[in-house]
Protein backbone atom coordinates (compact mmCIF):
# COMPACT_ATOMS: atom_id res chain seq x y z
CA MET A 1 23.71 0.19 -16.90
CA HIS A 2 23.18 -3.16 -15.20
CA HIS A 3 21.71 -5.45 -17.82
CA VAL A 4 19.19 -7.89 -16.72
CA ASP A 5 17.47 -10.46 -18.85
CA SER A 6 13.76 -10.32 -18.20
CA ASP A 7 13.70 -14.00 -18.10
CA THR A 8 16.02 -14.07 -15.09
CA VAL A 9 13.83 -11.68 -13.25
CA LEU A 10 10.41 -13.24 -14.20
CA ALA A 11 11.31 -16.89 -13.99
CA PRO A 12 11.66 -18.89 -10.87
CA PRO A 13 15.13 -19.15 -9.55
CA GLN A 14 17.02 -22.31 -10.24
CA ARG A 15 17.04 -24.12 -6.90
CA GLU A 16 15.63 -27.32 -5.31
CA GLY A 17 11.98 -27.15 -4.34
CA PRO A 18 9.41 -24.65 -5.47
CA PHE A 19 9.35 -21.10 -4.06
CA PRO A 20 6.40 -20.77 -1.81
CA LEU A 21 3.19 -19.26 -3.45
CA ARG A 22 2.41 -17.34 -0.32
CA LEU A 23 5.00 -16.04 2.06
CA PRO A 24 4.04 -16.01 5.77
CA VAL A 25 6.58 -13.31 6.48
CA LEU A 26 4.85 -11.01 3.89
CA ASP A 27 1.37 -11.89 5.42
CA LEU A 28 2.96 -11.17 8.89
CA PHE A 29 4.32 -7.85 7.75
CA ARG A 30 1.18 -6.77 6.00
CA GLY A 31 -0.79 -7.71 9.24
CA GLY A 32 1.38 -5.38 11.07
CA ALA A 33 0.53 -2.69 8.98
CA VAL A 34 -3.16 -3.33 9.30
CA LEU A 35 -2.85 -3.47 13.15
CA LEU A 36 -1.24 0.07 13.07
CA MET A 37 -4.05 1.22 10.80
CA LEU A 38 -6.62 -0.11 13.24
CA VAL A 39 -4.85 1.94 16.06
CA TYR A 40 -4.64 4.96 13.91
CA HIS A 41 -8.27 4.98 12.63
CA PHE A 42 -9.49 4.08 16.11
CA PHE A 43 -7.99 7.30 17.58
CA PHE A 44 -9.15 9.21 14.63
CA ASP A 45 -12.63 8.14 15.25
CA LEU A 46 -12.38 9.07 18.88
CA ASN A 47 -11.11 12.49 17.79
CA TYR A 48 -14.05 12.87 15.19
CA PHE A 49 -16.46 12.20 18.12
CA GLY A 50 -14.76 14.65 20.49
CA VAL A 51 -13.55 12.10 23.00
CA VAL A 52 -9.79 13.22 22.38
CA SER A 53 -8.29 16.29 20.69
CA ILE A 54 -5.74 15.40 18.02
CA ARG A 55 -4.26 17.31 15.19
CA PHE A 56 -3.64 14.65 12.64
CA GLN A 57 -2.75 16.98 10.00
CA THR A 58 0.03 18.64 12.06
CA ASP A 59 1.20 16.44 14.92
CA PRO A 60 4.51 14.72 14.00
CA PHE A 61 3.72 11.44 15.70
CA TRP A 62 0.45 10.76 13.84
CA LEU A 63 1.90 12.10 10.64
CA SER A 64 4.74 9.63 11.00
CA LEU A 65 2.59 6.85 12.01
CA ARG A 66 0.46 7.36 8.81
CA ALA A 67 3.54 7.39 6.67
CA VAL A 68 4.67 4.15 8.22
CA ILE A 69 1.28 2.46 7.71
CA VAL A 70 1.03 3.64 3.98
CA GLY A 71 4.54 2.74 3.43
CA GLY A 72 4.00 -0.63 4.83
CA PHE A 73 1.05 -1.42 2.56
CA VAL A 74 2.66 -0.02 -0.53
CA LEU A 75 5.90 -1.95 0.07
CA ALA A 76 3.87 -5.14 0.52
CA VAL A 77 2.11 -4.46 -2.90
CA GLY A 78 5.44 -4.14 -4.52
CA VAL A 79 6.71 -7.36 -3.28
CA SER A 80 3.58 -9.09 -3.93
CA LEU A 81 3.67 -7.93 -7.64
CA ALA A 82 7.14 -9.07 -8.10
CA LEU A 83 6.47 -12.56 -6.67
CA SER A 84 3.01 -13.12 -8.45
CA THR A 85 4.74 -12.34 -11.82
CA ARG A 86 7.76 -14.52 -11.40
CA ASN A 87 6.67 -16.47 -14.38
CA GLY A 88 5.32 -13.54 -16.35
CA LEU A 89 2.19 -11.55 -16.23
CA ASN A 90 -1.08 -13.65 -15.92
CA LEU A 91 -3.34 -10.97 -17.47
CA TRP A 92 -6.64 -12.42 -16.28
CA ARG A 93 -5.45 -12.72 -12.60
CA PHE A 94 -4.17 -9.19 -12.99
CA VAL A 95 -7.25 -7.78 -14.52
CA ARG A 96 -9.57 -9.49 -11.92
CA ARG A 97 -7.46 -8.07 -8.93
CA GLN A 98 -7.57 -4.53 -10.55
CA ALA A 99 -11.39 -4.96 -10.96
CA VAL A 100 -11.62 -5.75 -7.06
CA LEU A 101 -9.19 -2.91 -6.15
CA GLY A 102 -11.31 -0.49 -8.44
CA MET A 103 -14.46 -1.42 -6.95
CA ALA A 104 -13.04 -1.20 -3.33
CA ALA A 105 -11.58 2.34 -4.31
CA GLY A 106 -14.95 3.40 -5.55
CA LEU A 107 -16.70 2.23 -2.32
CA VAL A 108 -14.08 4.23 -0.19
CA SER A 109 -14.87 7.38 -2.33
CA LEU A 110 -18.57 6.89 -2.11
CA GLY A 111 -18.54 6.15 1.78
CA THR A 112 -16.34 9.24 2.39
CA TYR A 113 -18.46 11.45 0.33
CA LEU A 114 -21.52 10.48 2.41
CA ILE A 115 -19.74 11.08 5.77
CA PHE A 116 -17.24 13.77 4.83
CA PRO A 117 -18.78 15.50 1.70
CA LEU A 118 -16.24 18.33 1.83
CA THR A 119 -13.02 16.16 2.35
CA TRP A 120 -14.11 12.85 0.65
CA VAL A 121 -11.30 10.59 -0.66
CA VAL A 122 -10.61 11.18 -4.32
CA PHE A 123 -7.15 9.46 -4.69
CA GLY A 124 -6.37 7.51 -1.44
CA VAL A 125 -4.28 4.40 -0.93
CA LEU A 126 -6.57 1.97 -2.86
CA HIS A 127 -6.76 4.34 -5.65
CA PHE A 128 -2.97 4.75 -5.68
CA ILE A 129 -2.55 0.94 -5.57
CA PHE A 130 -4.87 0.48 -8.54
CA VAL A 131 -2.92 3.02 -10.58
CA ALA A 132 0.61 2.04 -9.30
CA ARG A 133 0.11 -1.63 -10.18
CA ILE A 134 -0.35 -0.54 -13.84
CA LEU A 135 2.52 1.94 -13.79
CA ALA A 136 4.88 -0.68 -12.27
CA LEU A 137 4.37 -3.29 -14.91
CA PRO A 138 7.17 -2.06 -17.27
CA PHE A 139 9.52 -2.10 -14.14
CA LEU A 140 9.07 -5.85 -13.63
CA ARG A 141 11.85 -6.32 -16.24
CA LEU A 142 14.32 -4.59 -14.04
CA TYR A 143 16.19 -5.55 -11.03
CA VAL A 144 18.67 -3.42 -9.35
CA LEU A 145 17.42 -0.40 -11.37
CA ASN A 146 14.15 -0.63 -9.40
CA MET A 147 16.02 0.23 -6.24
CA VAL A 148 17.85 3.21 -7.82
CA LEU A 149 14.55 4.50 -9.46
CA GLY A 150 12.59 3.85 -6.28
CA VAL A 151 14.96 6.15 -4.29
CA ALA A 152 15.10 8.76 -7.08
CA PHE A 153 11.10 8.83 -7.27
CA ILE A 154 10.87 9.13 -3.41
CA LEU A 155 13.29 12.08 -3.46
CA VAL A 156 11.52 13.83 -6.38
CA GLY A 157 8.23 13.41 -4.65
CA LEU A 158 9.39 14.95 -1.41
CA SER A 159 11.46 17.77 -2.81
CA VAL A 160 9.79 18.94 -5.94
CA GLN A 161 6.69 21.24 -5.80
CA HIS A 162 5.26 23.34 -8.57
CA PRO A 163 1.99 25.19 -8.83
CA VAL A 164 1.04 23.36 -11.93
CA PHE A 165 0.40 20.20 -9.93
CA ASN A 166 -2.10 22.07 -7.89
CA HIS A 167 -4.79 21.68 -10.79
CA PRO A 168 -7.46 19.19 -9.60
CA TRP A 169 -6.76 16.83 -12.49
CA LEU A 170 -3.21 16.66 -11.63
CA HIS A 171 -3.54 16.07 -7.83
CA TRP A 172 -2.96 12.35 -8.22
CA LEU A 173 0.63 12.95 -9.33
CA GLY A 174 1.71 14.66 -6.25
CA MET A 175 4.35 17.35 -6.14
CA MET A 176 1.68 19.93 -5.27
CA THR A 177 2.46 23.20 -3.39
CA HIS A 178 -0.05 22.29 -0.59
CA LYS A 179 -1.70 19.06 0.52
CA PRO A 180 -5.34 18.90 -0.90
CA PHE A 181 -8.36 18.90 1.63
CA THR A 182 -9.17 15.25 1.81
CA GLU A 183 -9.41 12.55 4.28
CA ASP A 184 -6.74 10.43 2.53
CA TYR A 185 -4.21 11.26 -0.10
CA VAL A 186 -1.62 8.92 -1.44
CA PRO A 187 -0.14 10.49 -4.70
CA VAL A 188 1.95 8.66 -7.30
CA LEU A 189 5.11 10.53 -6.16
CA PRO A 190 6.74 9.71 -3.94
CA TRP A 191 4.88 6.47 -3.16
CA LEU A 192 5.59 4.79 -6.52
CA GLY A 193 9.13 4.89 -5.40
CA VAL A 194 8.36 2.81 -2.33
CA LEU A 195 6.47 0.25 -4.47
CA LEU A 196 9.48 -0.03 -6.68
CA LEU A 197 11.60 -0.76 -3.63
CA GLY A 198 9.13 -3.44 -2.86
CA VAL A 199 9.37 -4.86 -6.40
CA TYR A 200 13.24 -5.05 -5.93
CA ILE A 201 12.98 -6.68 -2.53
CA GLY A 202 10.64 -9.26 -4.11
CA GLN A 203 12.88 -9.99 -7.01
CA SER A 204 15.87 -10.35 -4.60
CA MET A 205 13.84 -12.93 -2.67
CA LEU A 206 13.22 -14.78 -5.96
CA ARG A 207 17.06 -14.67 -6.83
CA ARG A 208 18.11 -15.86 -3.46
CA GLY A 209 15.57 -18.88 -3.39
CA GLN A 210 14.25 -19.77 -0.13
CA PRO A 211 13.02 -16.59 1.58
CA PHE A 212 13.30 -15.63 5.21
CA LEU A 213 10.27 -17.05 7.27
CA SER A 214 9.08 -19.26 4.40
CA THR A 215 7.04 -21.32 6.90
CA ALA A 216 4.16 -20.44 8.93
CA LEU A 217 4.76 -19.47 12.55
CA SER A 218 2.76 -20.99 15.25
CA LEU A 219 2.79 -18.17 17.88
CA PRO A 220 -0.85 -17.09 18.58
CA GLY A 221 -0.08 -13.26 18.07
CA PHE A 222 1.77 -14.21 14.69
CA ARG A 223 -1.11 -16.32 13.51
CA MET A 224 -3.62 -13.36 14.24
CA LEU A 225 -1.36 -10.91 12.39
CA SER A 226 -0.86 -13.25 9.42
CA TRP A 227 -4.76 -13.86 9.12
CA MET A 228 -5.03 -9.94 9.10
CA GLY A 229 -2.49 -9.73 6.51
CA ARG A 230 -4.24 -12.18 4.26
CA ASN A 231 -7.59 -10.32 4.69
CA SER A 232 -6.17 -6.89 4.61
CA LEU A 233 -8.49 -5.49 1.89
CA LEU A 234 -11.50 -6.96 3.60
CA ILE A 235 -10.51 -5.37 7.06
CA TYR A 236 -9.66 -2.11 5.33
CA LEU A 237 -13.14 -1.79 3.92
CA LEU A 238 -14.96 -2.90 6.94
CA HIS A 239 -13.21 -1.57 10.00
CA GLN A 240 -14.14 2.20 9.79
CA PRO A 241 -18.01 1.60 9.44
CA LEU A 242 -17.71 -0.78 12.38
CA PHE A 243 -15.49 1.46 14.55
CA MET A 244 -17.83 4.54 13.89
CA GLY A 245 -20.98 2.49 14.36
CA VAL A 246 -19.99 1.12 17.66
CA LEU A 247 -18.70 4.47 18.80
CA TYR A 248 -21.80 6.19 17.74
CA LEU A 249 -23.98 3.69 19.79
CA ILE A 250 -21.62 4.03 22.88
CA LEU A 251 -21.28 7.83 22.82
CA ARG A 252 -24.73 8.95 21.58
């Protein structure tokens, strides 16, 4: 096993100049995921109101697009977690962020229950991020092993299925023999593997020192994407009520 001292992983790399507290490239990447999410949900809402006819549960294009979107968000969470704990875990900051995520996940469950009472979100992307950030804490002391475990978790999550995981209390783990009837479902496996790959990428950035695109880009489109990336949680919570409200007013 490749041994890595935890101080090597969690401490800033020895280099001239501080590592940026916020990476424009990460905001840009997250903003791209937000943009794709807006496109996906706009067509989802058009389908809900009967303007278009799309089988989101079976169409390969839309299934692939959803996987790309969720994967982008989860990968960014892993990178951010590695960078934010470079000097060790700030417990107060972590708990505060968890509280925000927990409340946001609760709002998603409540909102979807009011609109889709039969398919409301029990364990969606925000619920996953809340749980996975806790599960990932022991892995912050690892480095290359995170890449290995990340790939392993993805393979297990995609290939292992067993009826025991069909129990409602175990849905959050994944590995079910069928997808639960819900509007959003992001189980621990395989998605924890994606998050660990993000942790590995973030730790690699710290070891290399100056990251790629460490300064803000001035192109108008990039500025907008970066803003979206910095405000991804707020956009996630507000965009669907806005979309559905506007479409209802237009199409009623």
